[in-house]
Each structure stands twice: as structure tokens, then as C-alpha cells.
């Protein structure tokens, strides 16, 4: 299964830890459901170059 975290608006990079993380406060159970493929992430927003301009 392909996870969409790489394309999500809330996927941020922490320069100090050198890792990507989700900005949303997702609890462990919800995260496990998303990672096992039993559920789609409820916070997913596709981030692209035109995301900000469409909402202005």
C-alpha cells in the first residue's frame, strides 16, 4: 500500500532531528489504522504548488 504522507500538507521536516513528521496531533490508534491500511488519514490534504493560491 502506498502512503500519502509524502504528498500531505502537514508533512514537515525537522532540521534538528533530520526526520519528517506529521504536524497534526494524531493519536497512536488512529496512526496504526492509517499505517495498516484499514483507514485513510482524516487529515490528508494534498499539497501542491497551487494549494495556497487557490485558497486566497
N, C-alpha and C. Protein backbone atom coordinates (compact mmCIF):
# COMPACT_ATOMS: atom_id res chain seq x y z
N UNK A 1 0.84 -1.20 0.00
CA UNK A 1 0.00 0.00 0.00
C UNK A 1 0.87 1.25 0.00
N UNK A 2 0.44 2.22 -0.73
CA UNK A 2 1.18 3.47 -0.83
C UNK A 2 0.62 4.47 0.17
N UNK A 3 1.48 5.01 1.01
CA UNK A 3 1.05 6.02 1.98
C UNK A 3 1.18 7.39 1.34
N UNK A 4 0.28 8.28 1.65
CA UNK A 4 0.26 9.59 1.02
C UNK A 4 0.93 10.66 1.87
N UNK A 5 1.63 10.27 2.90
CA UNK A 5 2.25 11.25 3.80
C UNK A 5 3.24 12.16 3.06
N UNK A 6 3.94 11.61 2.07
CA UNK A 6 4.91 12.42 1.33
C UNK A 6 4.26 13.57 0.58
N UNK A 7 2.99 13.43 0.25
CA UNK A 7 2.28 14.46 -0.52
C UNK A 7 1.37 15.32 0.35
N UNK A 8 1.38 15.10 1.64
CA UNK A 8 0.45 15.78 2.53
C UNK A 8 0.96 17.16 2.96
N UNK A 9 0.01 18.07 3.11
CA UNK A 9 0.30 19.44 3.54
C UNK A 9 0.93 19.46 4.94
N UNK A 10 0.57 18.51 5.79
CA UNK A 10 1.03 18.51 7.18
C UNK A 10 2.34 17.75 7.39
N UNK A 11 2.93 17.22 6.35
CA UNK A 11 4.20 16.52 6.45
C UNK A 11 5.32 17.55 6.50
N UNK A 12 5.99 17.67 7.65
CA UNK A 12 7.02 18.69 7.84
C UNK A 12 8.36 18.06 8.16
N UNK A 13 9.41 18.79 7.85
CA UNK A 13 10.77 18.31 8.10
C UNK A 13 11.35 19.02 9.31
N UNK A 14 11.88 18.24 10.24
CA UNK A 14 12.54 18.78 11.43
C UNK A 14 14.05 18.77 11.16
N UNK A 15 14.63 19.95 11.00
CA UNK A 15 16.05 20.05 10.66
C UNK A 15 16.96 19.57 11.77
N UNK A 16 16.56 19.75 13.01
CA UNK A 16 17.40 19.31 14.13
C UNK A 16 17.45 17.78 14.23
N UNK A 17 16.31 17.13 14.09
CA UNK A 17 16.24 15.68 14.17
C UNK A 17 16.49 15.00 12.82
N UNK A 18 16.39 15.78 11.74
CA UNK A 18 16.56 15.30 10.38
C UNK A 18 15.57 14.19 10.02
N UNK A 19 14.31 14.40 10.39
CA UNK A 19 13.23 13.46 10.09
C UNK A 19 11.98 14.22 9.68
N UNK A 20 11.10 13.54 8.96
CA UNK A 20 9.79 14.10 8.62
C UNK A 20 8.80 13.67 9.69
N UNK A 21 7.82 14.52 9.95
CA UNK A 21 6.79 14.20 10.93
C UNK A 21 5.49 14.86 10.52
N UNK A 22 4.39 14.39 11.11
CA UNK A 22 3.08 14.95 10.83
C UNK A 22 2.79 16.07 11.82
N UNK A 23 2.40 17.23 11.31
CA UNK A 23 2.09 18.37 12.17
C UNK A 23 0.79 18.19 12.95
N UNK A 24 -0.10 17.36 12.44
CA UNK A 24 -1.37 17.12 13.12
C UNK A 24 -1.15 16.22 14.33
N UNK A 25 -1.96 16.41 15.34
CA UNK A 25 -1.86 15.61 16.56
C UNK A 25 -2.69 14.34 16.38
N UNK A 26 -2.07 13.31 15.82
CA UNK A 26 -2.75 12.04 15.56
C UNK A 26 -2.42 11.08 16.70
N UNK A 27 -3.46 10.47 17.29
CA UNK A 27 -3.18 9.54 18.39
C UNK A 27 -2.66 8.21 17.85
N UNK A 28 -2.10 7.39 18.74
CA UNK A 28 -1.48 6.13 18.34
C UNK A 28 -2.43 5.19 17.61
N UNK A 29 -3.65 5.07 18.10
CA UNK A 29 -4.61 4.15 17.49
C UNK A 29 -4.95 4.58 16.06
N UNK A 30 -5.19 5.87 15.88
CA UNK A 30 -5.51 6.38 14.54
C UNK A 30 -4.33 6.19 13.60
N UNK A 31 -3.13 6.46 14.09
CA UNK A 31 -1.92 6.29 13.28
C UNK A 31 -1.76 4.84 12.85
N UNK A 32 -2.00 3.90 13.76
CA UNK A 32 -1.88 2.48 13.45
C UNK A 32 -2.89 2.07 12.39
N UNK A 33 -4.12 2.58 12.47
CA UNK A 33 -5.14 2.25 11.47
C UNK A 33 -4.74 2.75 10.09
N UNK A 34 -4.18 3.94 10.04
CA UNK A 34 -3.76 4.52 8.75
C UNK A 34 -2.59 3.72 8.18
N UNK A 35 -1.61 3.39 9.01
CA UNK A 35 -0.42 2.69 8.52
C UNK A 35 -0.70 1.24 8.13
N UNK A 36 -1.70 0.61 8.71
CA UNK A 36 -2.02 -0.77 8.33
C UNK A 36 -2.98 -0.82 7.14
N UNK A 37 -3.45 0.33 6.71
CA UNK A 37 -4.31 0.38 5.53
C UNK A 37 -5.78 0.15 5.83
N UNK A 38 -6.14 0.08 7.08
CA UNK A 38 -7.55 -0.13 7.42
C UNK A 38 -8.36 1.16 7.31
N UNK A 39 -7.65 2.27 7.21
CA UNK A 39 -8.36 3.55 7.15
C UNK A 39 -7.49 4.60 6.47
N UNK A 40 -8.15 5.54 5.80
CA UNK A 40 -7.42 6.67 5.21
C UNK A 40 -7.20 7.72 6.27
N UNK A 41 -6.18 8.50 6.11
CA UNK A 41 -5.89 9.56 7.07
C UNK A 41 -6.95 10.65 6.98
N UNK A 42 -7.59 11.00 8.09
CA UNK A 42 -8.65 12.01 8.05
C UNK A 42 -8.11 13.43 7.87
N UNK A 43 -6.82 13.63 8.03
CA UNK A 43 -6.22 14.96 7.93
C UNK A 43 -5.52 15.22 6.61
N UNK A 44 -5.51 14.23 5.72
CA UNK A 44 -4.76 14.37 4.47
C UNK A 44 -5.29 15.51 3.62
N UNK A 45 -4.38 16.39 3.23
CA UNK A 45 -4.66 17.46 2.27
C UNK A 45 -3.51 17.44 1.28
N UNK A 46 -3.83 17.22 0.02
CA UNK A 46 -2.78 17.15 -0.98
C UNK A 46 -2.14 18.52 -1.15
N UNK A 47 -0.85 18.55 -0.91
CA UNK A 47 -0.09 19.80 -1.05
C UNK A 47 0.55 19.83 -2.44
N UNK A 48 0.30 20.91 -3.14
CA UNK A 48 0.94 21.10 -4.43
C UNK A 48 1.30 22.57 -4.57
N UNK A 49 1.87 22.92 -5.68
CA UNK A 49 2.34 24.29 -5.88
C UNK A 49 1.22 25.31 -5.90
N UNK A 50 0.00 24.89 -6.20
CA UNK A 50 -1.11 25.83 -6.33
C UNK A 50 -2.06 25.81 -5.14
N UNK A 51 -1.73 25.04 -4.10
CA UNK A 51 -2.62 24.89 -2.94
C UNK A 51 -2.91 26.24 -2.28
N UNK A 52 -1.89 27.01 -2.02
CA UNK A 52 -2.07 28.30 -1.33
C UNK A 52 -2.80 29.29 -2.20
N UNK A 53 -2.45 29.36 -3.48
CA UNK A 53 -3.08 30.34 -4.36
C UNK A 53 -4.56 30.08 -4.57
N UNK A 54 -4.99 28.83 -4.53
CA UNK A 54 -6.41 28.52 -4.68
C UNK A 54 -7.24 28.99 -3.50
N UNK A 55 -6.63 29.13 -2.33
CA UNK A 55 -7.36 29.49 -1.13
C UNK A 55 -7.24 30.97 -0.77
N UNK A 56 -6.68 31.76 -1.63
CA UNK A 56 -6.53 33.20 -1.34
C UNK A 56 -7.67 33.98 -1.90
